């Protein structure tokens, strides 16, 4: 395995991680913005109010996009195994 092969593998792993975590992170960001806006408008500064909606949104996002996340991980794994099979 050469240095460029290792960098390519790291780049593929990085993009697979970003694609896989994107739906959950996006859902948490959107809910966080909405809750922060509601807290600013109503001046209710309860610290635990932000956690419960985010956790629920993350679980829903993972449940909805689970097949997409699995597909991304499968594609990455198949790519790595094909490289191993060819000997890089």
C-alpha atoms as a PDB file:
ATOM      1  CA  UNK A   1       0.000   0.000   0.000  1.00  0.00           C
ATOM      2  CA  UNK A   2       1.456   3.289  -1.034  1.00  0.00           C
ATOM      3  CA  UNK A   3       1.004   6.634   0.622  1.00  0.00           C
ATOM      4  CA  UNK A   4      -1.488   7.806  -2.003  1.00  0.00           C
ATOM      5  CA  UNK A   5      -3.584   4.655  -1.468  1.00  0.00           C
ATOM      6  CA  UNK A   6      -3.687   5.352   2.263  1.00  0.00           C
ATOM      7  CA  UNK A   7      -4.758   8.943   1.652  1.00  0.00           C
ATOM      8  CA  UNK A   8      -7.456   7.786  -0.763  1.00  0.00           C
ATOM      9  CA  UNK A   9      -8.739   5.322   1.827  1.00  0.00           C
ATOM     10  CA  UNK A  10      -8.793   8.026   4.514  1.00  0.00           C
ATOM     11  CA  UNK A  11     -10.639  10.360   2.150  1.00  0.00           C
ATOM     12  CA  UNK A  12     -13.238   7.679   1.370  1.00  0.00           C
ATOM     13  CA  UNK A  13     -13.685   6.958   5.086  1.00  0.00           C
ATOM     14  CA  UNK A  14     -14.103  10.655   5.822  1.00  0.00           C
ATOM     15  CA  UNK A  15     -16.783  11.120   3.151  1.00  0.00           C
ATOM     16  CA  UNK A  16     -18.607   7.962   4.237  1.00  0.00           C
ATOM     17  CA  UNK A  17     -18.637   9.265   7.798  1.00  0.00           C
ATOM     18  CA  UNK A  18     -19.975  12.661   6.696  1.00  0.00           C
ATOM     19  CA  UNK A  19     -22.695  11.104   4.544  1.00  0.00           C
ATOM     20  CA  UNK A  20     -23.694   8.693   7.295  1.00  0.00           C
ATOM     21  CA  UNK A  21     -23.860  11.256  10.080  1.00  0.00           C
ATOM     22  CA  UNK A  22     -25.365  14.028   7.952  1.00  0.00           C
ATOM     23  CA  UNK A  23     -29.060  13.293   8.518  1.00  0.00           C
ATOM     24  CA  UNK A  24     -28.741  13.092  12.307  1.00  0.00           C
ATOM     25  CA  UNK A  25     -26.553  16.177  12.560  1.00  0.00           C
ATOM     26  CA  UNK A  26     -28.850  18.111  10.218  1.00  0.00           C
ATOM     27  CA  UNK A  27     -31.915  17.183  12.255  1.00  0.00           C
ATOM     28  CA  UNK A  28     -30.187  18.206  15.496  1.00  0.00           C
ATOM     29  CA  UNK A  29     -29.154  21.536  13.971  1.00  0.00           C
ATOM     30  CA  UNK A  30     -32.626  22.340  12.691  1.00  0.00           C
ATOM     31  CA  UNK A  31     -34.326  21.460  15.989  1.00  0.00           C
ATOM     32  CA  UNK A  32     -31.662  23.404  17.893  1.00  0.00           C
ATOM     33  CA  UNK A  33     -32.307  26.514  15.821  1.00  0.00           C
ATOM     34  CA  UNK A  34     -36.080  26.247  16.268  1.00  0.00           C
ATOM     35  CA  UNK A  35     -35.807  25.680  20.038  1.00  0.00           C
ATOM     36  CA  UNK A  36     -33.315  28.542  20.401  1.00  0.00           C
ATOM     37  CA  UNK A  37     -35.651  30.840  18.478  1.00  0.00           C
ATOM     38  CA  UNK A  38     -38.592  29.829  20.658  1.00  0.00           C
ATOM     39  CA  UNK A  39     -36.534  30.362  23.795  1.00  0.00           C
ATOM     40  CA  UNK A  40     -35.461  33.797  22.595  1.00  0.00           C
ATOM     41  CA  UNK A  41     -39.024  34.799  21.733  1.00  0.00           C
ATOM     42  CA  UNK A  42     -40.598  33.526  24.949  1.00  0.00           C
ATOM     43  CA  UNK A  43     -37.606  34.219  27.226  1.00  0.00           C
ATOM     44  CA  UNK A  44     -37.893  30.730  28.713  1.00  0.00           C
ATOM     45  CA  UNK A  45     -34.294  29.756  29.455  1.00  0.00           C
ATOM     46  CA  UNK A  46     -34.732  26.163  30.578  1.00  0.00           C
ATOM     47  CA  UNK A  47     -31.552  24.198  29.874  1.00  0.00           C
ATOM     48  CA  UNK A  48     -33.221  20.787  29.581  1.00  0.00           C
ATOM     49  CA  UNK A  49     -35.700  22.086  27.015  1.00  0.00           C
ATOM     50  CA  UNK A  50     -33.095  21.812  24.258  1.00  0.00           C
ATOM     51  CA  UNK A  51     -32.066  18.209  24.885  1.00  0.00           C
ATOM     52  CA  UNK A  52     -35.323  16.282  24.656  1.00  0.00           C
ATOM     53  CA  UNK A  53     -36.452  17.610  21.239  1.00  0.00           C
ATOM     54  CA  UNK A  54     -32.945  17.106  19.819  1.00  0.00           C
ATOM     55  CA  UNK A  55     -32.762  13.514  21.038  1.00  0.00           C
ATOM     56  CA  UNK A  56     -36.192  12.751  19.598  1.00  0.00           C
ATOM     57  CA  UNK A  57     -35.280  14.385  16.284  1.00  0.00           C
ATOM     58  CA  UNK A  58     -32.011  12.445  16.080  1.00  0.00           C
ATOM     59  CA  UNK A  59     -33.772   9.125  16.737  1.00  0.00           C
ATOM     60  CA  UNK A  60     -36.407   9.919  14.115  1.00  0.00           C
ATOM     61  CA  UNK A  61     -33.757  10.973  11.584  1.00  0.00           C
ATOM     62  CA  UNK A  62     -31.785   7.768  12.162  1.00  0.00           C
ATOM     63  CA  UNK A  63     -34.939   5.650  11.896  1.00  0.00           C
ATOM     64  CA  UNK A  64     -35.977   7.338   8.651  1.00  0.00           C
ATOM     65  CA  UNK A  65     -32.530   7.397   7.039  1.00  0.00           C
ATOM     66  CA  UNK A  66     -31.240   4.099   8.412  1.00  0.00           C
ATOM     67  CA  UNK A  67     -31.274   2.406   5.029  1.00  0.00           C
ATOM     68  CA  UNK A  68     -29.335   5.321   3.505  1.00  0.00           C
ATOM     69  CA  UNK A  69     -26.729   5.151   6.274  1.00  0.00           C
ATOM     70  CA  UNK A  70     -26.419   1.388   5.864  1.00  0.00           C
ATOM     71  CA  UNK A  71     -26.092   1.780   2.115  1.00  0.00           C
ATOM     72  CA  UNK A  72     -23.243   4.268   2.545  1.00  0.00           C
ATOM     73  CA  UNK A  73     -21.412   1.990   4.962  1.00  0.00           C
ATOM     74  CA  UNK A  74     -21.924  -1.015   2.689  1.00  0.00           C
ATOM     75  CA  UNK A  75     -20.538   0.877  -0.312  1.00  0.00           C
ATOM     76  CA  UNK A  76     -17.490   1.957   1.682  1.00  0.00           C
ATOM     77  CA  UNK A  77     -16.880  -1.558   2.990  1.00  0.00           C
ATOM     78  CA  UNK A  78     -17.203  -3.088  -0.473  1.00  0.00           C
ATOM     79  CA  UNK A  79     -14.790  -0.502  -1.835  1.00  0.00           C
ATOM     80  CA  UNK A  80     -12.231  -1.275   0.877  1.00  0.00           C
ATOM     81  CA  UNK A  81     -12.597  -5.036   0.388  1.00  0.00           C
ATOM     82  CA  UNK A  82     -12.204  -4.690  -3.372  1.00  0.00           C
ATOM     83  CA  UNK A  83      -9.000  -2.727  -2.802  1.00  0.00           C
ATOM     84  CA  UNK A  84      -7.743  -5.405  -0.420  1.00  0.00           C
ATOM     85  CA  UNK A  85      -8.634  -8.110  -2.931  1.00  0.00           C
ATOM     86  CA  UNK A  86      -6.702  -6.331  -5.707  1.00  0.00           C
ATOM     87  CA  UNK A  87      -3.757  -5.713  -3.421  1.00  0.00           C
ATOM     88  CA  UNK A  88      -4.098  -1.942  -3.590  1.00  0.00           C
END
